[in-house]
PDB file of all heavy atoms in Angstrom:
ATOM      1  N   LEU A   1      55.050-207.426 160.198  1.00  0.00           N
ATOM      2  CA  LEU A   1      54.280-206.183 160.365  1.00  0.00           C
ATOM      3  C   LEU A   1      52.924-206.550 161.058  1.00  0.00           C
ATOM      4  O   LEU A   1      52.270-207.425 160.667  1.00  0.00           O
ATOM      5  CB  LEU A   1      53.935-205.550 158.995  1.00  0.00           C
ATOM      6  CG  LEU A   1      55.165-205.306 158.061  1.00  0.00           C
ATOM      7  CD1 LEU A   1      54.756-204.717 156.731  1.00  0.00           C
ATOM      8  CD2 LEU A   1      56.080-204.355 158.650  1.00  0.00           C
ATOM      9  N   VAL A   2      52.634-205.761 162.074  1.00  0.00           N
ATOM     10  CA  VAL A   2      51.365-205.927 162.726  1.00  0.00           C
ATOM     11  C   VAL A   2      50.675-204.495 162.841  1.00  0.00           C
ATOM     12  O   VAL A   2      51.215-203.640 163.504  1.00  0.00           O
ATOM     13  CB  VAL A   2      51.651-206.500 164.189  1.00  0.00           C
ATOM     14  CG1 VAL A   2      50.265-206.665 164.900  1.00  0.00           C
ATOM     15  CG2 VAL A   2      52.285-207.839 164.077  1.00  0.00           C
ATOM     16  N   GLU A   3      49.496-204.524 162.331  1.00  0.00           N
ATOM     17  CA  GLU A   3      48.696-203.236 162.441  1.00  0.00           C
ATOM     18  C   GLU A   3      47.865-203.272 163.568  1.00  0.00           C
ATOM     19  O   GLU A   3      47.453-204.327 164.047  1.00  0.00           O
ATOM     20  CB  GLU A   3      47.754-203.104 161.141  1.00  0.00           C
ATOM     21  CG  GLU A   3      48.569-203.194 159.854  1.00  0.00           C
ATOM     22  CD  GLU A   3      48.601-204.453 159.175  1.00  0.00           C
ATOM     23  OE1 GLU A   3      48.397-205.574 159.840  1.00  0.00           O
ATOM     24  OE2 GLU A   3      48.639-204.638 157.934  1.00  0.00           O
ATOM     25  N   SER A   4      47.586-202.013 164.061  1.00  0.00           N
ATOM     26  CA  SER A   4      46.554-201.912 165.181  1.00  0.00           C
ATOM     27  C   SER A   4      46.012-200.592 165.049  1.00  0.00           C
ATOM     28  O   SER A   4      46.372-199.705 164.288  1.00  0.00           O
ATOM     29  CB  SER A   4      47.335-202.118 166.511  1.00  0.00           C
ATOM     30  OG  SER A   4      48.226-201.139 166.738  1.00  0.00           O
ATOM     31  N   GLY A   5      44.978-200.331 165.920  1.00  0.00           N
ATOM     32  CA  GLY A   5      44.213-199.074 166.013  1.00  0.00           C
ATOM     33  C   GLY A   5      42.981-198.940 165.205  1.00  0.00           C
ATOM     34  O   GLY A   5      42.414-197.861 165.251  1.00  0.00           O
ATOM     35  N   GLY A   6      42.620-199.901 164.510  1.00  0.00           N
ATOM     36  CA  GLY A   6      41.382-199.838 163.771  1.00  0.00           C
ATOM     37  C   GLY A   6      40.184-200.046 164.670  1.00  0.00           C
ATOM     38  O   GLY A   6      40.425-200.181 165.878  1.00  0.00           O
ATOM     39  N   GLY A   7      39.037-199.873 164.090  1.00  0.00           N
ATOM     40  CA  GLY A   7      37.822-199.984 164.954  1.00  0.00           C
ATOM     41  C   GLY A   7      36.759-199.185 164.259  1.00  0.00           C
ATOM     42  O   GLY A   7      36.682-198.907 163.144  1.00  0.00           O
ATOM     43  N   LEU A   8      35.777-198.811 165.064  1.00  0.00           N
ATOM     44  CA  LEU A   8      34.620-197.975 164.589  1.00  0.00           C
ATOM     45  C   LEU A   8      34.818-196.580 164.795  1.00  0.00           C
ATOM     46  O   LEU A   8      35.182-196.061 165.917  1.00  0.00           O
ATOM     47  CB  LEU A   8      33.422-198.474 165.405  1.00  0.00           C
ATOM     48  CG  LEU A   8      32.060-197.776 164.996  1.00  0.00           C
ATOM     49  CD1 LEU A   8      31.690-198.063 163.503  1.00  0.00           C
ATOM     50  CD2 LEU A   8      30.893-198.296 165.893  1.00  0.00           C
ATOM     51  N   GLY A   9      34.567-195.723 163.681  1.00  0.00           N
ATOM     52  CA  GLY A   9      34.757-194.306 163.828  1.00  0.00           C
ATOM     53  C   GLY A   9      33.533-193.717 163.234  1.00  0.00           C
ATOM     54  O   GLY A   9      32.698-194.334 162.663  1.00  0.00           O
ATOM     55  N   GLN A  10      33.375-192.416 163.564  1.00  0.00           N
ATOM     56  CA  GLN A  10      32.231-191.742 163.073  1.00  0.00           C
ATOM     57  C   GLN A  10      32.569-190.811 161.989  1.00  0.00           C
ATOM     58  O   GLN A  10      33.755-190.284 161.926  1.00  0.00           O
ATOM     59  CB  GLN A  10      31.525-190.886 164.213  1.00  0.00           C
ATOM     60  CG  GLN A  10      30.799-191.805 165.295  1.00  0.00           C
ATOM     61  CD  GLN A  10      30.072-190.907 166.144  1.00  0.00           C
ATOM     62  OE1 GLN A  10      30.267-189.798 166.405  1.00  0.00           O
ATOM     63  NE2 GLN A  10      28.937-191.580 166.757  1.00  0.00           N
ATOM     64  N   ALA A  11      31.651-190.571 161.172  1.00  0.00           N
ATOM     65  CA  ALA A  11      31.956-189.624 160.002  1.00  0.00           C
ATOM     66  C   ALA A  11      32.328-188.269 160.597  1.00  0.00           C
ATOM     67  O   ALA A  11      31.752-187.761 161.466  1.00  0.00           O
ATOM     68  CB  ALA A  11      30.708-189.443 159.070  1.00  0.00           C
ATOM     69  N   GLY A  12      33.511-187.808 160.074  1.00  0.00           N
ATOM     70  CA  GLY A  12      34.005-186.433 160.494  1.00  0.00           C
ATOM     71  C   GLY A  12      35.102-186.663 161.677  1.00  0.00           C
ATOM     72  O   GLY A  12      35.708-185.680 161.990  1.00  0.00           O
ATOM     73  N   GLY A  13      35.179-187.863 162.133  1.00  0.00           N
ATOM     74  CA  GLY A  13      36.087-188.067 163.325  1.00  0.00           C
ATOM     75  C   GLY A  13      37.441-188.531 162.839  1.00  0.00           C
ATOM     76  O   GLY A  13      37.845-188.445 161.632  1.00  0.00           O
ATOM     77  N   SER A  14      38.179-189.117 163.773  1.00  0.00           N
ATOM     78  CA  SER A  14      39.532-189.486 163.491  1.00  0.00           C
ATOM     79  C   SER A  14      39.937-190.848 164.108  1.00  0.00           C
ATOM     80  O   SER A  14      39.331-191.221 165.080  1.00  0.00           O
ATOM     81  CB  SER A  14      40.551-188.343 164.031  1.00  0.00           C
ATOM     82  OG  SER A  14      40.341-187.141 163.538  1.00  0.00           O
ATOM     83  N   LEU A  15      40.895-191.524 163.525  1.00  0.00           N
ATOM     84  CA  LEU A  15      41.403-192.679 164.080  1.00  0.00           C
ATOM     85  C   LEU A  15      42.982-192.615 163.713  1.00  0.00           C
ATOM     86  O   LEU A  15      43.389-191.980 162.766  1.00  0.00           O
ATOM     87  CB  LEU A  15      40.856-193.910 163.376  1.00  0.00           C
ATOM     88  CG  LEU A  15      39.480-194.355 163.764  1.00  0.00           C
ATOM     89  CD1 LEU A  15      39.007-195.387 162.846  1.00  0.00           C
ATOM     90  CD2 LEU A  15      39.389-194.725 165.192  1.00  0.00           C
ATOM     91  N   ARG A  16      43.767-193.355 164.474  1.00  0.00           N
ATOM     92  CA  ARG A  16      45.199-193.467 164.197  1.00  0.00           C
ATOM     93  C   ARG A  16      45.471-194.986 164.164  1.00  0.00           C
ATOM     94  O   ARG A  16      45.260-195.546 165.123  1.00  0.00           O
ATOM     95  CB  ARG A  16      46.045-192.722 165.158  1.00  0.00           C
ATOM     96  CG  ARG A  16      47.531-192.624 164.770  1.00  0.00           C
ATOM     97  CD  ARG A  16      48.374-191.904 165.574  1.00  0.00           C
ATOM     98  NE  ARG A  16      48.807-192.649 166.788  1.00  0.00           N
ATOM     99  CZ  ARG A  16      49.844-192.365 167.518  1.00  0.00           C
ATOM    100  NH1 ARG A  16      50.684-191.364 167.143  1.00  0.00           N
ATOM    101  NH2 ARG A  16      50.232-193.162 168.536  1.00  0.00           N
ATOM    102  N   LEU A  17      46.000-195.354 163.107  1.00  0.00           N
ATOM    103  CA  LEU A  17      46.488-196.716 162.956  1.00  0.00           C
ATOM    104  C   LEU A  17      48.036-196.833 163.157  1.00  0.00           C
ATOM    105  O   LEU A  17      48.748-195.789 162.881  1.00  0.00           O
ATOM    106  CB  LEU A  17      46.252-197.209 161.476  1.00  0.00           C
ATOM    107  CG  LEU A  17      44.745-197.010 161.072  1.00  0.00           C
ATOM    108  CD1 LEU A  17      44.545-197.677 159.650  1.00  0.00           C
ATOM    109  CD2 LEU A  17      43.784-197.577 162.014  1.00  0.00           C
ATOM    110  N   SER A  18      48.459-197.876 163.677  1.00  0.00           N
ATOM    111  CA  SER A  18      49.823-198.086 163.854  1.00  0.00           C
ATOM    112  C   SER A  18      50.270-199.365 163.111  1.00  0.00           C
ATOM    113  O   SER A  18      49.556-200.316 163.065  1.00  0.00           O
ATOM    114  CB  SER A  18      50.187-198.285 165.367  1.00  0.00           C
ATOM    115  OG  SER A  18      49.822-197.094 166.137  1.00  0.00           O
ATOM    116  N   CYS A  19      51.626-199.354 162.713  1.00  0.00           N
ATOM    117  CA  CYS A  19      52.167-200.537 162.115  1.00  0.00           C
ATOM    118  C   CYS A  19      53.434-200.778 162.763  1.00  0.00           C
ATOM    119  O   CYS A  19      54.381-199.988 162.635  1.00  0.00           O
ATOM    120  CB  CYS A  19      52.387-200.269 160.590  1.00  0.00           C
ATOM    121  SG  CYS A  19      53.223-201.668 159.758  1.00  0.00           S
ATOM    122  N   ALA A  20      53.564-201.847 163.557  1.00  0.00           N
ATOM    123  CA  ALA A  20      54.685-202.232 164.263  1.00  0.00           C
ATOM    124  C   ALA A  20      55.563-203.199 163.422  1.00  0.00           C
ATOM    125  O   ALA A  20      55.033-204.212 162.832  1.00  0.00           O
ATOM    126  CB  ALA A  20      54.386-202.826 165.584  1.00  0.00           C
ATOM    127  N   CYS A  21      56.777-202.978 163.386  1.00  0.00           N
ATOM    128  CA  CYS A  21      57.724-203.807 162.685  1.00  0.00           C
ATOM    129  C   CYS A  21      58.562-204.579 163.560  1.00  0.00           C
ATOM    130  O   CYS A  21      59.091-203.987 164.514  1.00  0.00           O
ATOM    131  CB  CYS A  21      58.674-202.986 161.592  1.00  0.00           C
ATOM    132  SG  CYS A  21      57.818-201.847 160.608  1.00  0.00           S
ATOM    133  N   SER A  22      58.768-205.855 163.338  1.00  0.00           N
ATOM    134  CA  SER A  22      59.759-206.649 164.020  1.00  0.00           C
ATOM    135  C   SER A  22      60.544-207.515 163.213  1.00  0.00           C
ATOM    136  O   SER A  22      60.197-207.727 162.027  1.00  0.00           O
ATOM    137  CB  SER A  22      58.879-207.577 165.052  1.00  0.00           C
ATOM    138  OG  SER A  22      58.128-208.439 164.308  1.00  0.00           O
ATOM    139  N   GLY A  23      61.775-207.847 163.577  1.00  0.00           N
ATOM    140  CA  GLY A  23      62.611-208.623 162.858  1.00  0.00           C
ATOM    141  C   GLY A  23      63.793-207.896 162.199  1.00  0.00           C
ATOM    142  O   GLY A  23      64.860-208.391 162.185  1.00  0.00           O
ATOM    143  N   ARG A  24      63.526-206.738 161.750  1.00  0.00           N
ATOM    144  CA  ARG A  24      64.483-205.796 161.217  1.00  0.00           C
ATOM    145  C   ARG A  24      64.145-204.386 161.536  1.00  0.00           C
ATOM    146  O   ARG A  24      62.932-204.026 161.714  1.00  0.00           O
ATOM    147  CB  ARG A  24      64.611-206.010 159.677  1.00  0.00           C
ATOM    148  CG  ARG A  24      64.995-207.299 159.183  1.00  0.00           C
ATOM    149  CD  ARG A  24      66.524-207.434 159.322  1.00  0.00           C
ATOM    150  NE  ARG A  24      67.287-206.432 158.516  1.00  0.00           N
ATOM    151  CZ  ARG A  24      67.538-206.550 157.306  1.00  0.00           C
ATOM    152  NH1 ARG A  24      67.295-207.566 156.610  1.00  0.00           N
ATOM    153  NH2 ARG A  24      68.324-205.627 156.754  1.00  0.00           N
ATOM    154  N   PRO A  25      65.072-203.472 161.573  1.00  0.00           N
ATOM    155  CA  PRO A  25      64.719-202.072 161.814  1.00  0.00           C
ATOM    156  C   PRO A  25      63.869-201.524 160.819  1.00  0.00           C
ATOM    157  O   PRO A  25      64.151-201.679 159.495  1.00  0.00           O
ATOM    158  CB  PRO A  25      66.143-201.393 161.896  1.00  0.00           C
ATOM    159  CG  PRO A  25      67.148-202.474 162.178  1.00  0.00           C
ATOM    160  CD  PRO A  25      66.546-203.628 161.506  1.00  0.00           C
ATOM    161  N   SER A  26      62.753-200.856 161.193  1.00  0.00           N
ATOM    162  CA  SER A  26      61.894-200.231 160.151  1.00  0.00           C
ATOM    163  C   SER A  26      62.563-199.194 159.323  1.00  0.00           C
ATOM    164  O   SER A  26      62.113-198.755 158.324  1.00  0.00           O
ATOM    165  CB  SER A  26      60.614-199.666 160.844  1.00  0.00           C
ATOM    166  OG  SER A  26      60.985-198.688 161.742  1.00  0.00           O
ATOM    167  N   SER A  27      63.722-198.711 159.911  1.00  0.00           N
ATOM    168  CA  SER A  27      64.275-197.558 159.228  1.00  0.00           C
ATOM    169  C   SER A  27      64.939-198.000 157.903  1.00  0.00           C
ATOM    170  O   SER A  27      65.303-197.124 157.095  1.00  0.00           O
ATOM    171  CB  SER A  27      65.450-196.944 160.073  1.00  0.00           C
ATOM    172  OG  SER A  27      66.371-197.962 160.491  1.00  0.00           O
ATOM    173  N   SER A  28      64.957-199.320 157.628  1.00  0.00           N
ATOM    174  CA  SER A  28      65.658-199.806 156.365  1.00  0.00           C
ATOM    175  C   SER A  28      64.523-199.899 155.295  1.00  0.00           C
ATOM    176  O   SER A  28      64.857-200.217 154.197  1.00  0.00           O
ATOM    177  CB  SER A  28      66.256-201.150 156.550  1.00  0.00           C
ATOM    178  OG  SER A  28      67.263-201.099 157.500  1.00  0.00           O
ATOM    179  N   TYR A  29      63.237-199.559 155.620  1.00  0.00           N
ATOM    180  CA  TYR A  29      62.200-199.890 154.757  1.00  0.00           C
ATOM    181  C   TYR A  29      61.425-198.695 154.413  1.00  0.00           C
ATOM    182  O   TYR A  29      61.175-197.741 155.186  1.00  0.00           O
ATOM    183  CB  TYR A  29      61.207-200.864 155.396  1.00  0.00           C
ATOM    184  CG  TYR A  29      61.774-202.234 155.603  1.00  0.00           C
ATOM    185  CD1 TYR A  29      62.537-202.378 156.732  1.00  0.00           C
ATOM    186  CD2 TYR A  29      61.601-203.257 154.792  1.00  0.00           C
ATOM    187  CE1 TYR A  29      63.141-203.676 157.094  1.00  0.00           C
ATOM    188  CE2 TYR A  29      62.190-204.516 155.013  1.00  0.00           C
ATOM    189  CZ  TYR A  29      62.924-204.666 156.114  1.00  0.00           C
ATOM    190  OH  TYR A  29      63.473-205.965 156.304  1.00  0.00           O
ATOM    191  N   ALA A  30      60.994-198.545 153.090  1.00  0.00           N
ATOM    192  CA  ALA A  30      59.973-197.672 152.743  1.00  0.00           C
ATOM    193  C   ALA A  30      58.653-198.323 153.187  1.00  0.00           C
ATOM    194  O   ALA A  30      58.492-199.565 152.963  1.00  0.00           O
ATOM    195  CB  ALA A  30      59.873-197.379 151.207  1.00  0.00           C
ATOM    196  N   MET A  31      57.672-197.579 153.603  1.00  0.00           N
ATOM    197  CA  MET A  31      56.479-198.129 154.206  1.00  0.00           C
ATOM    198  C   MET A  31      55.206-197.568 153.452  1.00  0.00           C
ATOM    199  O   MET A  31      55.337-196.425 152.962  1.00  0.00           O
ATOM    200  CB  MET A  31      56.294-197.732 155.704  1.00  0.00           C
ATOM    201  CG  MET A  31      57.500-198.287 156.603  1.00  0.00           C
ATOM    202  SD  MET A  31      57.731-200.023 156.589  1.00  0.00           S
ATOM    203  CE  MET A  31      56.263-200.483 157.543  1.00  0.00           C
ATOM    204  N   ALA A  32      54.213-198.264 153.422  1.00  0.00           N
ATOM    205  CA  ALA A  32      53.007-197.796 152.838  1.00  0.00           C
ATOM    206  C   ALA A  32      51.741-198.336 153.524  1.00  0.00           C
ATOM    207  O   ALA A  32      51.845-199.386 154.285  1.00  0.00           O
ATOM    208  CB  ALA A  32      52.917-198.200 151.348  1.00  0.00           C
ATOM    209  N   TRP A  33      50.710-197.668 153.225  1.00  0.00           N
ATOM    210  CA  TRP A  33      49.375-198.074 153.700  1.00  0.00           C
ATOM    211  C   TRP A  33      48.512-198.256 152.520  1.00  0.00           C
ATOM    212  O   TRP A  33      48.414-197.390 151.547  1.00  0.00           O
ATOM    213  CB  TRP A  33      48.696-197.158 154.657  1.00  0.00           C
ATOM    214  CG  TRP A  33      49.316-197.038 155.983  1.00  0.00           C
ATOM    215  CD1 TRP A  33      50.359-196.314 156.440  1.00  0.00           C
ATOM    216  CD2 TRP A  33      48.987-197.885 157.082  1.00  0.00           C
ATOM    217  NE1 TRP A  33      50.614-196.508 157.719  1.00  0.00           N
ATOM    218  CE2 TRP A  33      49.836-197.592 158.231  1.00  0.00           C
ATOM    219  CE3 TRP A  33      48.003-198.963 157.377  1.00  0.00           C
ATOM    220  CZ2 TRP A  33      49.717-198.099 159.459  1.00  0.00           C
ATOM    221  CZ3 TRP A  33      47.958-199.467 158.610  1.00  0.00           C
ATOM    222  CH2 TRP A  33      48.799-199.061 159.703  1.00  0.00           C
ATOM    223  N   PHE A  34      47.845-199.426 152.410  1.00  0.00           N
ATOM    224  CA  PHE A  34      46.789-199.719 151.491  1.00  0.00           C
ATOM    225  C   PHE A  34      45.544-200.112 152.155  1.00  0.00           C
ATOM    226  O   PHE A  34      45.536-200.350 153.381  1.00  0.00           O
ATOM    227  CB  PHE A  34      47.252-200.870 150.554  1.00  0.00           C
ATOM    228  CG  PHE A  34      48.512-200.644 149.755  1.00  0.00           C
ATOM    229  CD1 PHE A  34      49.779-200.652 150.227  1.00  0.00           C
ATOM    230  CD2 PHE A  34      48.343-200.366 148.365  1.00  0.00           C
ATOM    231  CE1 PHE A  34      50.851-200.412 149.440  1.00  0.00           C
ATOM    232  CE2 PHE A  34      49.411-200.083 147.551  1.00  0.00           C
ATOM    233  CZ  PHE A  34      50.717-200.118 148.149  1.00  0.00           C
ATOM    234  N   ARG A  35      44.465-200.015 151.343  1.00  0.00           N
ATOM    235  CA  ARG A  35      43.167-200.490 151.988  1.00  0.00           C
ATOM    236  C   ARG A  35      42.347-201.192 151.057  1.00  0.00           C
ATOM    237  O   ARG A  35      42.503-201.096 149.766  1.00  0.00           O
ATOM    238  CB  ARG A  35      42.464-199.179 152.520  1.00  0.00           C
ATOM    239  CG  ARG A  35      41.984-198.296 151.365  1.00  0.00           C
ATOM    240  CD  ARG A  35      41.262-197.074 152.018  1.00  0.00           C
ATOM    241  NE  ARG A  35      40.866-196.049 151.050  1.00  0.00           N
ATOM    242  CZ  ARG A  35      40.186-195.024 151.307  1.00  0.00           C
ATOM    243  NH1 ARG A  35      39.949-194.552 152.488  1.00  0.00           N
ATOM    244  NH2 ARG A  35      39.732-194.228 150.296  1.00  0.00           N
TER     245      ARG A  35
END
């Protein structure tokens, strides 16, 4: 799993994070985000 899309945001703004899966199809997995 490789995350991307982070960075600096402003209060009230938006960001979109991505999680790319390699090795196996992501369709076989339940996915989650933690922080």
